[in-house]
Amino acid sequence: MSRLCIMMVQPKIQFIQGTDEQTIPDVKLTKSRDGTNGMAIFRFDQPSVFDSSGEVGDITGFYMIDEEGVLTSVDVNAKFVNGKPAGIEAKYIMRTPRDWDRFMRFMERYANSNGLQFVKS
C-alpha cells in the first residue's frame, strides 16, 4: 500500500538560504508586448536580512520558495544611505511564457499569505 504525502510550503523569500525575509517588498512587473518575456523588480525598504546577515552569512542571491520549488536570481543590489544599508532591489527575469506562469503562481501564493493585492498602474 502506497501513500502520497503532499507538504504545503509557506511561500517565502530569502536572500540567505535558510533565513526568511520578513520585510514585504514593493513589486513591479513588466511584460513584453508579445507576452514572451518579462521582468519583476522587488524593492525592499529596510529588509530584515540586514539585521541578521552578520550572524548567518552573506547575501547569496534572491530565492522565492513555494510548494513547487525555488525560483532564483543573482541580480541583487543593496542601496546605502550615509554608509548604512537602506534597501535591496532584486530583479527576476522571465524568458518564456512558462517562466511567467510559474512566477505568477508563486506571486499569487506569496500575496495570499502576506495580504498583498495587485494594483495595475
Protein backbone atom coordinates (compact mmCIF):
# COMPACT_ATOMS: atom_id res chain seq x y z
CA MET A 1 0.00 0.00 0.00
CA SER A 2 1.49 3.33 -1.03
CA ARG A 3 0.52 6.76 0.23
CA LEU A 4 1.08 10.14 -1.29
CA CYS A 5 2.15 12.86 1.12
CA ILE A 6 1.93 16.47 -0.07
CA MET A 7 3.66 19.11 2.00
CA MET A 8 2.36 22.64 1.73
CA VAL A 9 5.22 25.10 1.96
CA GLN A 10 4.52 28.63 3.14
CA PRO A 11 5.67 30.88 0.26
CA LYS A 12 8.71 32.86 1.30
CA ILE A 13 11.57 34.99 0.07
CA GLN A 14 15.16 34.57 1.18
CA PHE A 15 18.46 36.36 0.45
CA ILE A 16 20.45 33.94 2.60
CA GLN A 17 19.34 30.33 2.19
CA GLY A 18 17.54 29.20 5.34
CA THR A 19 16.79 32.75 6.56
CA ASP A 20 13.31 34.05 5.65
CA GLU A 21 12.98 37.72 4.73
CA GLN A 22 10.35 39.37 6.94
CA THR A 23 10.02 42.66 5.03
CA ILE A 24 7.26 42.69 2.41
CA PRO A 25 8.55 44.12 -0.89
CA ASP A 26 7.10 46.52 -3.41
CA VAL A 27 6.93 44.55 -6.69
CA LYS A 28 6.76 46.00 -10.19
CA LEU A 29 6.10 43.78 -13.22
CA THR A 30 6.84 44.41 -16.87
CA LYS A 31 5.97 42.16 -19.79
CA SER A 32 6.88 42.36 -23.46
CA ARG A 33 4.12 43.27 -25.91
CA ASP A 34 4.13 39.77 -27.39
CA GLY A 35 3.99 38.19 -23.92
CA THR A 36 7.08 36.05 -24.41
CA ASN A 37 9.19 37.52 -21.60
CA GLY A 38 9.07 39.85 -18.64
CA MET A 39 10.76 41.13 -15.51
CA ALA A 40 9.82 41.51 -11.86
CA ILE A 41 11.58 44.15 -9.76
CA PHE A 42 11.37 43.68 -6.00
CA ARG A 43 12.21 46.63 -3.74
CA PHE A 44 12.72 46.01 -0.03
CA ASP A 45 12.92 49.02 2.30
CA GLN A 46 14.99 48.20 5.41
CA PRO A 47 14.91 44.41 4.84
CA SER A 48 15.34 42.18 7.86
CA VAL A 49 18.30 40.41 6.22
CA PHE A 50 20.42 43.44 7.16
CA ASP A 51 19.72 42.69 10.83
CA SER A 52 20.94 39.11 10.62
CA SER A 53 23.44 38.94 7.73
CA GLY A 54 26.43 39.37 10.06
CA GLU A 55 25.33 36.39 12.14
CA VAL A 56 24.23 33.95 9.42
CA GLY A 57 26.35 34.89 6.41
CA ASP A 58 26.39 36.95 3.26
CA ILE A 59 23.56 37.57 0.83
CA THR A 60 23.98 34.86 -1.80
CA GLY A 61 21.06 35.58 -4.13
CA PHE A 62 17.31 36.04 -4.29
CA TYR A 63 15.23 32.93 -3.58
CA MET A 64 11.45 32.67 -3.97
CA ILE A 65 10.32 29.43 -2.36
CA ASP A 66 6.94 27.69 -2.51
CA GLU A 67 5.48 24.20 -2.84
CA GLU A 68 6.60 23.95 -6.48
CA GLY A 69 10.25 24.64 -5.69
CA VAL A 70 12.62 27.59 -5.82
CA LEU A 71 12.88 30.49 -8.28
CA THR A 72 16.35 32.05 -8.13
CA SER A 73 18.09 35.23 -9.25
CA VAL A 74 21.54 36.63 -8.58
CA ASP A 75 20.59 40.14 -9.76
CA VAL A 76 20.53 41.65 -6.25
CA ASN A 77 21.73 45.15 -5.34
CA ALA A 78 21.91 46.84 -1.96
CA LYS A 79 21.17 50.54 -1.51
CA PHE A 80 23.17 52.51 1.06
CA VAL A 81 22.37 55.86 2.66
CA ASN A 82 25.14 57.61 4.61
CA GLY A 83 27.16 54.39 4.53
CA LYS A 84 24.40 52.29 6.09
CA PRO A 85 22.32 49.66 4.28
CA ALA A 86 18.85 51.02 3.50
CA GLY A 87 17.30 48.74 0.92
CA ILE A 88 17.62 45.92 -1.58
CA GLU A 89 16.49 45.71 -5.19
CA ALA A 90 16.24 42.27 -6.77
CA LYS A 91 15.32 41.52 -10.38
CA TYR A 92 13.85 38.28 -11.68
CA ILE A 93 13.85 37.78 -15.46
CA MET A 94 11.23 35.58 -17.15
CA ARG A 95 12.36 34.49 -20.60
CA THR A 96 9.42 32.29 -21.64
CA PRO A 97 5.63 32.25 -21.14
CA ARG A 98 6.17 29.17 -18.94
CA ASP A 99 8.59 31.15 -16.70
CA TRP A 100 5.97 33.93 -16.46
CA ASP A 101 3.20 31.49 -15.49
CA ARG A 102 5.40 29.86 -12.84
CA PHE A 103 6.34 33.25 -11.37
CA MET A 104 2.70 34.34 -11.28
CA ARG A 105 1.75 31.17 -9.38
CA PHE A 106 4.45 31.97 -6.80
CA MET A 107 3.27 35.60 -6.53
CA GLU A 108 -0.35 34.56 -6.06
CA ARG A 109 0.63 32.28 -3.19
CA TYR A 110 3.00 34.88 -1.68
CA ALA A 111 0.38 37.64 -1.98
CA ASN A 112 -2.32 35.49 -0.38
CA SER A 113 -0.12 34.54 2.56
CA ASN A 114 1.02 38.16 3.14
CA GLY A 115 -2.22 40.08 2.45
CA LEU A 116 -0.98 41.76 -0.71
CA GLN A 117 -3.05 42.87 -3.66
CA PHE A 118 -2.36 43.57 -7.32
CA VAL A 119 -2.70 47.19 -8.46
CA LYS A 120 -2.46 47.95 -12.18
CA SER A 121 -0.80 51.28 -12.97
